[in-house]
């Protein structure tokens, strides 16, 4: 599974650094290509010569090389198929969670385009401290993966959590990640996926409209993640300011009626329908052909109900199609989500949180719960929308 993979390993100052020698040896035996970056404090625990010998590559420590050249952190970040920082100290976790960049390892992390894995190593009290746990959650929200610490005797003499995972467990974690990634790509390859995203705008007159605060970021994160897994993605999106990658088929719309027309045209051929758009429930009954002038009197606008796009798709849904809806509630959230799940013939519904800081419209993070028609419920912590997209896709893969 790891044969031919380009693996970039970072080491921080920790007594657990001795384990990394065994880890590198195992990866090289599996024919992975390994390169190593060390912080200055890491060299106090294990020598660069040891790791260079085992990895069969020079060990990088500083930006500057001996002859005045520099170690290009951008190239290193692009080179790797995956990056693993093992051991990861509490200090480095804090730095990376907050975007600090005072050494080569931090710079490469900030440039990395590949999945990043952390194998923390520290004493029990440091691991349990709220600051460390908060920083861990921040890294997870970026989409990084934390390899669970293990329990046992620590360098301080304490017993408990904080030991870096054993090399064989780290390798197994990486292999499981690659296996799951391969399976999801195989399962979704060629699947026709329809996604709605963003807000709709309902015209009042030529210059004014009714809308909401949706940015379309969640729908786009889903579209990008599904495209990477080999799906054929059709994205119906309302007004937005997002950059959409090539390869995703885009259908721009403005109003709910326009979104419904596109959904009707595309839904029959889709295998998976994900309706993440924040659709306007109402529109003005009469749209003025000219700008409404301000006067001393109050203005009353009569609203008429828009069609329920998701409910109509639920009625059209055929055997073998998977239909996913979204709910954003401010009160009675769970009961309202379950009502929508049943009434709209969904396979599962994603409930967004507005009460959680960093979740909801316009943010790059989100906090969700997934309710399935089989009665199950799964709650997720605050994560990046890219990571949330993968959680939703995992739920779809279970159905497939």
Protein backbone atom coordinates (compact mmCIF):
# COMPACT_ATOMS: atom_id res chain seq x y z
CA UNK A 1 0.00 0.00 0.00
CA UNK A 2 2.89 2.41 0.77
CA UNK A 3 5.12 1.27 -2.11
CA UNK A 4 6.18 4.23 -4.23
CA UNK A 5 4.57 6.78 -1.90
CA UNK A 6 6.52 9.97 -1.24
CA UNK A 7 6.44 10.46 2.52
CA UNK A 8 7.78 13.58 4.22
CA UNK A 9 8.55 12.99 7.90
CA UNK A 10 9.05 15.81 10.38
CA UNK A 11 10.59 15.34 13.83
CA UNK A 12 10.22 17.60 16.86
CA UNK A 13 12.11 17.62 20.16
CA UNK A 14 10.89 14.58 22.11
CA UNK A 15 12.37 11.46 23.67
CA UNK A 16 9.97 9.57 21.36
CA UNK A 17 12.22 10.55 18.42
CA UNK A 18 14.02 7.23 18.79
CA UNK A 19 10.84 5.49 17.59
CA UNK A 20 10.98 7.44 14.35
CA UNK A 21 14.14 5.56 13.37
CA UNK A 22 12.16 2.30 13.43
CA UNK A 23 9.27 3.99 11.63
CA UNK A 24 11.51 5.21 8.79
CA UNK A 25 13.13 1.79 8.49
CA UNK A 26 9.68 0.16 8.16
CA UNK A 27 8.55 2.65 5.50
CA UNK A 28 11.72 2.21 3.46
CA UNK A 29 11.31 -1.58 3.67
CA UNK A 30 7.85 -1.11 2.17
CA UNK A 31 9.58 0.79 -0.69
CA UNK A 32 8.25 4.21 0.23
CA UNK A 33 10.44 7.20 -0.65
CA UNK A 34 11.17 8.99 2.62
CA UNK A 35 12.59 12.44 3.23
CA UNK A 36 13.16 13.88 6.69
CA UNK A 37 12.97 17.35 8.25
CA UNK A 38 14.16 17.94 11.81
CA UNK A 39 13.73 20.87 14.16
CA UNK A 40 16.81 22.02 16.05
CA UNK A 41 15.54 20.50 19.29
CA UNK A 42 14.92 17.13 17.58
CA UNK A 43 18.66 16.81 16.91
CA UNK A 44 19.22 16.75 20.69
CA UNK A 45 17.42 13.40 20.85
CA UNK A 46 18.55 11.60 17.66
CA UNK A 47 21.25 12.44 15.13
CA UNK A 48 20.57 13.52 11.54
CA UNK A 49 23.18 10.96 10.44
CA UNK A 50 21.07 8.10 11.83
CA UNK A 51 17.94 9.24 9.99
CA UNK A 52 19.82 10.06 6.80
CA UNK A 53 21.29 6.56 6.76
CA UNK A 54 17.90 4.94 7.31
CA UNK A 55 15.98 7.13 4.84
CA UNK A 56 18.76 7.08 2.21
CA UNK A 57 18.28 10.84 1.78
CA UNK A 58 19.90 13.93 3.30
CA UNK A 59 18.14 15.20 6.42
CA UNK A 60 16.94 18.80 6.18
CA UNK A 61 17.18 21.13 9.16
CA UNK A 62 17.49 24.72 8.00
CA UNK A 63 16.39 26.86 5.07
CA UNK A 64 20.00 27.48 4.06
CA UNK A 65 22.26 24.80 2.60
CA UNK A 66 26.03 24.76 3.04
CA UNK A 67 26.81 26.49 -0.29
CA UNK A 68 24.31 29.30 0.06
CA UNK A 69 21.46 27.48 -1.67
CA UNK A 70 18.13 27.09 0.10
CA UNK A 71 15.81 24.23 0.90
CA UNK A 72 12.65 25.20 -0.95
CA UNK A 73 9.74 24.63 1.43
CA UNK A 74 7.19 25.08 -1.38
CA UNK A 75 8.77 22.35 -3.50
CA UNK A 76 8.92 20.04 -0.49
CA UNK A 77 5.25 20.66 0.24
CA UNK A 78 4.34 19.83 -3.35
CA UNK A 79 6.64 16.78 -3.53
CA UNK A 80 5.00 14.73 -0.80
CA UNK A 81 2.05 12.34 -1.15
CA UNK A 82 1.62 12.64 2.59
CA UNK A 83 3.32 14.45 5.45
CA UNK A 84 3.79 12.87 8.87
CA UNK A 85 5.10 14.76 11.89
CA UNK A 86 6.25 12.14 14.39
CA UNK A 87 6.86 12.90 17.14
CA UNK A 88 4.88 16.13 17.36
CA UNK A 89 5.59 18.17 20.47
CA UNK A 90 3.05 20.39 22.25
CA UNK A 91 5.15 23.38 21.14
CA UNK A 92 4.95 22.51 17.44
CA UNK A 93 1.23 21.70 17.70
CA UNK A 94 0.67 25.18 19.16
CA UNK A 95 2.79 26.82 16.45
CA UNK A 96 1.07 25.09 13.54
CA UNK A 97 -2.43 25.57 14.94
CA UNK A 98 -1.74 29.30 14.97
CA UNK A 99 0.18 29.56 11.70
CA UNK A 100 3.57 30.41 13.20
CA UNK A 101 6.54 29.83 10.92
CA UNK A 102 9.96 30.07 12.57
CA UNK A 103 11.63 26.97 11.14
CA UNK A 104 11.75 24.83 7.99
CA UNK A 105 9.28 22.23 9.31
CA UNK A 106 6.62 24.88 9.98
CA UNK A 107 7.17 26.45 6.56
CA UNK A 108 6.78 23.10 4.79
CA UNK A 109 3.59 22.34 6.74
CA UNK A 110 2.08 25.67 5.67
CA UNK A 111 2.97 24.86 2.03
CA UNK A 112 1.86 21.21 2.04
CA UNK A 113 -0.84 20.26 -0.48
CA UNK A 114 -1.05 16.65 0.72
CA UNK A 115 -2.78 15.04 3.72
CA UNK A 116 -0.94 15.83 6.97
CA UNK A 117 -0.76 13.43 9.93
CA UNK A 118 0.36 14.21 13.47
CA UNK A 119 1.66 11.66 15.98
CA UNK A 120 1.73 13.65 19.25
CA UNK A 121 4.19 12.81 22.03
CA UNK A 122 4.20 14.57 25.40
CA UNK A 123 3.59 14.12 29.09
CA UNK A 124 0.12 13.40 30.47
CA UNK A 125 -0.50 16.87 31.91
CA UNK A 126 0.62 18.58 28.71
CA UNK A 127 -1.61 16.31 26.60
CA UNK A 128 -4.64 16.89 28.85
CA UNK A 129 -4.17 20.66 29.10
CA UNK A 130 -7.08 22.61 27.53
CA UNK A 131 -4.66 24.66 25.41
CA UNK A 132 -3.22 21.52 23.79
CA UNK A 133 -6.67 20.01 23.23
CA UNK A 134 -7.90 23.27 21.70
CA UNK A 135 -4.91 23.34 19.35
CA UNK A 136 -5.57 19.70 18.39
CA UNK A 137 -9.16 20.61 17.47
CA UNK A 138 -7.87 23.54 15.40
CA UNK A 139 -5.57 21.24 13.41
CA UNK A 140 -8.48 18.84 12.85
CA UNK A 141 -10.58 21.75 11.59
CA UNK A 142 -7.87 22.33 8.94
CA UNK A 143 -8.43 18.76 7.75
CA UNK A 144 -5.30 17.34 9.39
CA UNK A 145 -5.43 13.90 11.02
CA UNK A 146 -4.29 13.08 14.54
CA UNK A 147 -2.89 9.60 15.15
CA UNK A 148 -4.18 8.68 18.63
CA UNK A 149 -1.69 8.81 21.48
CA UNK A 150 -1.19 5.62 23.47
CA UNK A 151 -1.30 4.94 27.22
CA UNK A 152 1.63 3.71 29.25
CA UNK A 153 4.68 4.79 31.17
CA UNK A 154 5.84 8.30 30.25
CA UNK A 155 9.31 9.84 30.42
CA UNK A 156 8.32 11.73 33.57
CA UNK A 157 7.45 8.50 35.33
CA UNK A 158 3.71 9.16 35.14
CA UNK A 159 1.33 6.59 33.70
CA UNK A 160 -1.34 7.61 31.20
CA UNK A 161 -1.98 9.11 27.77
CA UNK A 162 0.69 10.97 25.84
CA UNK A 163 2.96 8.27 24.41
CA UNK A 164 3.56 8.52 20.68
CA UNK A 165 1.91 5.63 18.86
CA UNK A 166 4.21 2.70 18.17
CA UNK A 167 5.75 2.65 14.65
CA UNK A 168 3.67 -0.35 13.53
CA UNK A 169 0.48 1.42 14.64
CA UNK A 170 1.44 4.58 12.77
CA UNK A 171 2.09 2.58 9.61
CA UNK A 172 -1.27 0.80 10.02
CA UNK A 173 -3.01 4.19 10.43
CA UNK A 174 -1.47 5.46 7.18
CA UNK A 175 -2.37 2.25 5.34
CA UNK A 176 -5.97 2.42 6.58
CA UNK A 177 -6.20 6.01 5.34
CA UNK A 178 -4.94 5.07 1.88
CA UNK A 179 -7.20 1.99 1.73
CA UNK A 180 -10.28 4.04 2.64
CA UNK A 181 -9.33 6.68 0.08
CA UNK A 182 -8.91 4.05 -2.64
CA UNK A 183 -12.22 2.36 -1.79
CA UNK A 184 -14.15 5.65 -1.84
CA UNK A 185 -12.66 6.59 -5.20
CA UNK A 186 -13.57 3.20 -6.65
CA UNK A 187 -17.12 3.35 -5.26
CA UNK A 188 -17.75 6.86 -6.61
CA UNK A 189 -15.87 6.63 -9.89
CA UNK A 190 -18.16 7.63 -12.74
CA UNK A 191 -21.15 8.22 -10.47
CA UNK A 192 -23.40 11.08 -11.62
CA UNK A 193 -23.79 13.47 -8.68
CA UNK A 194 -26.11 16.48 -8.58
CA UNK A 195 -25.38 19.20 -6.01
CA UNK A 196 -27.23 22.44 -5.31
CA UNK A 197 -25.38 25.20 -3.48
CA UNK A 198 -25.47 28.83 -2.45
CA UNK A 199 -28.42 31.18 -2.02
CA UNK A 200 -31.21 32.09 -4.38
CA UNK A 201 -32.25 35.68 -5.04
CA UNK A 202 -35.88 36.69 -5.53
CA UNK A 203 -36.31 39.99 -7.37
CA UNK A 204 -38.39 42.83 -5.91
CA UNK A 205 -37.53 45.23 -8.71
CA UNK A 206 -34.58 45.58 -11.14
CA UNK A 207 -32.17 46.53 -8.31
CA UNK A 208 -33.49 44.86 -5.14
CA UNK A 209 -34.04 41.27 -4.09
CA UNK A 210 -34.78 38.95 -1.17
CA UNK A 211 -32.01 36.48 -0.27
CA UNK A 212 -29.99 35.01 2.61
CA UNK A 213 -26.37 34.83 3.82
CA UNK A 214 -25.37 31.55 2.18
CA UNK A 215 -21.94 31.64 0.50
CA UNK A 216 -22.09 28.28 -1.30
CA UNK A 217 -18.85 27.12 0.39
CA UNK A 218 -20.31 23.88 1.78
CA UNK A 219 -21.76 22.84 -1.58
CA UNK A 220 -18.49 23.65 -3.35
CA UNK A 221 -16.49 21.64 -0.77
CA UNK A 222 -18.75 18.66 -1.52
CA UNK A 223 -18.37 19.15 -5.27
CA UNK A 224 -14.56 19.30 -5.04
CA UNK A 225 -14.30 16.28 -2.75
CA UNK A 226 -16.57 14.18 -4.96
CA UNK A 227 -14.71 15.20 -8.10
CA UNK A 228 -11.42 14.10 -6.50
CA UNK A 229 -13.01 10.73 -5.79
CA UNK A 230 -13.85 10.25 -9.47
CA UNK A 231 -17.51 11.31 -9.55
CA UNK A 232 -19.06 13.27 -12.42
CA UNK A 233 -20.28 16.38 -10.60
CA UNK A 234 -23.10 18.68 -11.72
CA UNK A 235 -23.29 21.82 -9.57
CA UNK A 236 -26.36 24.07 -9.64
CA UNK A 237 -25.29 27.20 -7.78
CA UNK A 238 -26.92 30.50 -6.95
CA UNK A 239 -25.13 33.90 -6.92
CA UNK A 240 -21.67 33.50 -5.38
CA UNK A 241 -18.05 34.73 -5.28
CA UNK A 242 -16.33 31.35 -5.35
CA UNK A 243 -13.67 29.97 -7.67
CA UNK A 244 -14.90 26.67 -9.10
CA UNK A 245 -12.27 24.20 -10.37
CA UNK A 246 -12.29 22.91 -13.92
CA UNK A 247 -14.04 19.61 -14.46
CA UNK A 248 -17.10 20.42 -12.34
CA UNK A 249 -20.11 21.07 -14.57
CA UNK A 250 -21.63 24.33 -13.38
CA UNK A 251 -25.21 25.58 -13.87
CA UNK A 252 -25.52 29.15 -12.57
CA UNK A 253 -28.99 30.24 -11.49
CA UNK A 254 -30.50 33.19 -9.65
CA UNK A 255 -34.01 32.39 -8.47
CA UNK A 256 -35.62 29.36 -6.84
CA UNK A 257 -37.71 28.75 -9.96
CA UNK A 258 -34.54 28.66 -12.10
CA UNK A 259 -32.91 26.24 -9.64
CA UNK A 260 -35.98 24.00 -9.76
CA UNK A 261 -35.93 23.95 -13.57
CA UNK A 262 -32.27 22.88 -13.61
CA UNK A 263 -32.86 20.27 -10.90
CA UNK A 264 -35.77 18.81 -12.85
CA UNK A 265 -33.59 18.61 -15.96
CA UNK A 266 -30.70 16.85 -14.20
CA UNK A 267 -32.18 14.78 -11.38
CA UNK A 268 -33.42 11.81 -13.41
CA UNK A 269 -29.88 10.88 -14.56
CA UNK A 270 -28.15 11.37 -11.21
CA UNK A 271 -27.18 8.54 -8.87
CA UNK A 272 -26.70 10.86 -5.90
CA UNK A 273 -28.50 14.13 -5.22
CA UNK A 274 -27.15 16.47 -2.52
CA UNK A 275 -29.33 19.52 -1.98
CA UNK A 276 -27.22 21.94 0.05
CA UNK A 277 -28.55 25.23 -1.37
CA UNK A 278 -30.22 27.73 0.96
CA UNK A 279 -33.32 28.22 -1.15
CA UNK A 280 -35.66 31.17 -0.56
CA UNK A 281 -38.97 29.88 0.78
CA UNK A 282 -40.86 32.93 -0.54
CA UNK A 283 -40.68 35.37 -3.44
CA UNK A 284 -42.49 38.66 -4.17
CA UNK A 285 -45.90 38.02 -5.70
CA UNK A 286 -45.40 40.96 -8.08
CA UNK A 287 -42.03 42.12 -9.39
CA UNK A 288 -41.85 45.77 -10.39
CA UNK A 289 -40.40 46.36 -13.85
CA UNK A 290 -38.95 49.66 -12.62
CA UNK A 291 -37.08 50.64 -9.47
CA UNK A 292 -39.53 51.31 -6.65
CA UNK A 293 -39.06 54.91 -5.54
CA UNK A 294 -38.79 55.77 -1.86
CA UNK A 295 -41.75 57.65 -0.42
CA UNK A 296 -42.97 58.82 2.97
CA UNK A 297 -45.26 55.80 3.22
CA UNK A 298 -44.30 52.33 4.39
CA UNK A 299 -43.81 49.76 1.66
CA UNK A 300 -45.61 46.46 1.84
CA UNK A 301 -44.47 43.54 -0.31
CA UNK A 302 -46.77 40.58 -0.73
CA UNK A 303 -44.88 37.29 -0.74
CA UNK A 304 -45.93 34.06 -2.36
CA UNK A 305 -44.60 30.62 -1.49
CA UNK A 306 -41.83 29.13 -3.62
CA UNK A 307 -41.97 25.48 -4.72
CA UNK A 308 -40.18 23.02 -2.43
CA UNK A 309 -37.37 21.75 -4.66
CA UNK A 310 -36.21 18.98 -2.34
CA UNK A 311 -39.73 17.69 -1.75
CA UNK A 312 -40.33 17.51 -5.48
CA UNK A 313 -37.09 15.56 -5.97
CA UNK A 314 -38.17 13.22 -3.16
CA UNK A 315 -41.37 12.44 -5.07
CA UNK A 316 -39.38 11.77 -8.27
CA UNK A 317 -36.74 9.65 -6.53
CA UNK A 318 -36.32 6.17 -7.99
CA UNK A 319 -34.92 2.94 -6.59
CA UNK A 320 -31.12 3.15 -6.47
CA UNK A 321 -30.98 6.95 -6.15
CA UNK A 322 -29.56 8.49 -2.98
CA UNK A 323 -31.08 11.78 -1.84
CA UNK A 324 -29.45 14.00 0.79
CA UNK A 325 -30.93 17.18 2.23
CA UNK A 326 -29.71 19.95 4.53
CA UNK A 327 -31.46 21.70 7.41
CA UNK A 328 -30.49 24.91 9.18
CA UNK A 329 -32.60 25.52 12.28
CA UNK A 330 -32.61 28.05 15.12
CA UNK A 331 -35.11 26.24 17.36
CA UNK A 332 -36.41 22.66 17.78
CA UNK A 333 -33.55 21.72 15.47
CA UNK A 334 -33.66 17.96 15.81
CA UNK A 335 -37.44 17.56 15.56
CA UNK A 336 -37.60 19.87 12.53
CA UNK A 337 -34.76 18.00 10.82
CA UNK A 338 -36.43 14.63 11.42
CA UNK A 339 -39.70 15.99 10.04
CA UNK A 340 -37.95 17.08 6.83
CA UNK A 341 -36.17 13.74 6.58
CA UNK A 342 -39.48 11.88 6.52
CA UNK A 343 -41.62 14.33 4.53
CA UNK A 344 -39.07 14.75 1.73
CA UNK A 345 -38.20 11.05 1.30
CA UNK A 346 -34.50 11.53 2.11
CA UNK A 347 -31.88 8.90 2.81
CA UNK A 348 -30.33 11.22 5.37
CA UNK A 349 -30.38 14.87 6.35
CA UNK A 350 -27.48 17.07 7.45
CA UNK A 351 -28.36 19.45 10.29
CA UNK A 352 -26.21 22.59 10.41
CA UNK A 353 -25.58 24.50 13.60
CA UNK A 354 -25.95 28.27 13.91
CA UNK A 355 -25.41 28.29 17.67
CA UNK A 356 -21.79 27.09 17.47
CA UNK A 357 -19.07 29.72 17.00
CA UNK A 358 -17.45 29.26 13.58
CA UNK A 359 -20.38 27.32 12.09
CA UNK A 360 -23.06 28.35 9.60
CA UNK A 361 -23.05 30.82 6.74
CA UNK A 362 -19.83 32.26 5.25
CA UNK A 363 -17.42 30.44 7.62
CA UNK A 364 -14.76 28.02 6.41
CA UNK A 365 -15.76 25.65 9.22
CA UNK A 366 -19.01 23.90 10.09
CA UNK A 367 -20.56 21.70 12.77
CA UNK A 368 -23.12 19.11 11.69
CA UNK A 369 -25.24 16.18 12.77
CA UNK A 370 -26.40 13.50 10.34
CA UNK A 371 -29.82 11.85 10.78
CA UNK A 372 -30.51 8.75 8.67
CA UNK A 373 -33.86 7.28 7.70
CA UNK A 374 -32.91 4.10 9.58
CA UNK A 375 -33.09 6.11 12.81
CA UNK A 376 -29.36 6.60 13.44
CA UNK A 377 -27.82 9.92 14.45
CA UNK A 378 -24.17 10.97 14.33
CA UNK A 379 -22.81 14.21 15.78
CA UNK A 380 -19.56 15.73 14.56
CA UNK A 381 -17.31 18.40 16.13
CA UNK A 382 -16.49 21.71 14.47
CA UNK A 383 -14.39 20.98 11.37
CA UNK A 384 -13.26 22.60 8.15
CA UNK A 385 -15.91 22.42 5.44
CA UNK A 386 -13.57 20.24 3.39
CA UNK A 387 -13.46 17.77 6.28
CA UNK A 388 -17.24 18.02 6.78
CA UNK A 389 -17.67 17.20 3.09
CA UNK A 390 -15.67 14.00 3.59
CA UNK A 391 -17.85 13.06 6.59
CA UNK A 392 -20.97 13.47 4.44
CA UNK A 393 -19.39 11.46 1.63
CA UNK A 394 -18.52 8.70 4.12
CA UNK A 395 -22.21 8.52 5.03
CA UNK A 396 -23.09 8.22 1.33
CA UNK A 397 -20.50 5.47 0.86
CA UNK A 398 -22.13 3.44 3.65
CA UNK A 399 -25.38 3.54 1.66
CA UNK A 400 -23.62 2.54 -1.55
